Amino acid sequence: MMHTTVGWHVELEFQEDETHTRAVAMVRLSDGSEVRAHGHASRHNSDSHQPRVGEEIAGARALNELAMQLLTKAHGEIDSASGRTSHSINV
């Protein structure tokens, strides 16, 4: 039996100001398609300025949304190939 190794590279980009961090996550799949998702974090006025924390929160939210989009894409492909509605794929 032959095994194929496939790798994905996920890219994260951030835009920040004093109170907001926005993240965009993107993965390019082996079929050439791209999936993009966004995440956001806001710093409360009483919190100290810690850009890394905002990146972690916004990045995690973008990656979570990316995961949900990939699951939806997989469901669509399963349904299309089988001609029926697939069972839920748990995270």
Protein backbone atom coordinates (compact mmCIF):
# COMPACT_ATOMS: atom_id res chain seq x y z
CA MET A 1 0.00 0.00 0.00
CA MET A 2 1.34 3.43 -0.96
CA HIS A 3 1.01 6.34 1.46
CA THR A 4 0.80 9.91 0.25
CA THR A 5 2.03 12.74 2.42
CA VAL A 6 0.14 15.99 2.03
CA GLY A 7 0.92 19.23 3.85
CA TRP A 8 -1.01 22.42 4.31
CA HIS A 9 0.47 25.77 5.19
CA VAL A 10 -1.84 28.07 7.08
CA GLU A 11 -1.07 31.78 6.83
CA LEU A 12 -2.15 34.29 9.47
CA GLU A 13 -1.97 38.04 9.01
CA PHE A 14 -2.82 40.66 11.61
CA GLN A 15 -3.87 44.31 11.55
CA GLU A 16 -3.74 46.12 14.87
CA ASP A 17 -4.40 49.49 16.43
CA GLU A 18 -4.47 50.52 20.10
CA THR A 19 -7.68 48.62 20.91
CA HIS A 20 -8.45 46.21 18.06
CA THR A 21 -6.74 43.25 16.43
CA ARG A 22 -8.02 41.69 13.24
CA ALA A 23 -6.72 38.39 11.89
CA VAL A 24 -7.09 36.71 8.52
CA ALA A 25 -6.32 33.00 8.24
CA MET A 26 -5.85 31.35 4.85
CA VAL A 27 -5.07 27.80 3.78
CA ARG A 28 -4.39 26.67 0.22
CA LEU A 29 -5.65 23.12 -0.31
CA SER A 30 -4.11 20.44 -2.52
CA ASP A 31 -6.89 20.93 -5.10
CA GLY A 32 -5.74 24.56 -5.55
CA SER A 33 -8.68 26.11 -3.71
CA GLU A 34 -8.21 28.58 -0.87
CA VAL A 35 -10.25 28.95 2.29
CA ARG A 36 -10.12 32.26 4.22
CA ALA A 37 -11.54 33.24 7.58
CA HIS A 38 -11.46 36.25 9.88
CA GLY A 39 -11.13 36.80 13.62
CA HIS A 40 -11.32 39.88 15.83
CA ALA A 41 -10.27 40.88 19.33
CA SER A 42 -10.87 44.09 21.28
CA ARG A 43 -8.91 45.38 24.26
CA HIS A 44 -11.00 46.67 27.14
CA ASN A 45 -9.99 50.15 28.37
CA SER A 46 -8.96 48.77 31.76
CA ASP A 47 -6.65 46.11 30.22
CA SER A 48 -2.96 46.78 29.70
CA HIS A 49 -1.68 47.05 26.12
CA GLN A 50 -0.55 43.51 25.18
CA PRO A 51 -0.58 43.10 21.37
CA ARG A 52 0.45 39.44 21.56
CA VAL A 53 -2.69 38.57 23.54
CA GLY A 54 -4.89 40.29 20.96
CA GLU A 55 -3.11 38.34 18.21
CA GLU A 56 -3.67 35.06 20.05
CA ILE A 57 -7.38 35.73 20.53
CA ALA A 58 -8.03 37.07 17.02
CA GLY A 59 -5.86 34.32 15.51
CA ALA A 60 -7.67 31.59 17.45
CA ARG A 61 -11.03 32.94 16.33
CA ALA A 62 -9.89 33.05 12.69
CA LEU A 63 -8.53 29.49 12.90
CA ASN A 64 -11.78 28.29 14.51
CA GLU A 65 -13.78 29.84 11.67
CA LEU A 66 -11.36 28.30 9.16
CA ALA A 67 -11.96 24.87 10.75
CA MET A 68 -15.74 25.32 10.50
CA GLN A 69 -15.47 26.30 6.83
CA LEU A 70 -13.31 23.24 6.10
CA LEU A 71 -15.88 20.97 7.80
CA THR A 72 -18.67 22.55 5.75
CA LYS A 73 -16.62 22.08 2.57
CA ALA A 74 -16.00 18.41 3.45
CA HIS A 75 -19.72 17.83 4.10
CA GLY A 76 -20.55 19.30 0.71
CA GLU A 77 -18.03 17.08 -1.02
CA ILE A 78 -19.26 13.96 0.80
CA ASP A 79 -22.88 14.79 -0.04
CA SER A 80 -22.04 15.53 -3.67
CA ALA A 81 -20.16 12.25 -4.10
CA SER A 82 -22.73 10.11 -2.29
CA GLY A 83 -25.96 11.79 -3.38
CA ARG A 84 -27.21 11.94 0.20
CA THR A 85 -26.86 14.09 3.30
CA SER A 86 -23.85 13.07 5.37
CA HIS A 87 -23.76 12.65 9.13
CA SER A 88 -22.35 15.47 11.23
CA ILE A 89 -18.56 15.60 11.47
CA ASN A 90 -17.66 16.39 15.06
CA VAL A 91 -14.85 18.78 15.85
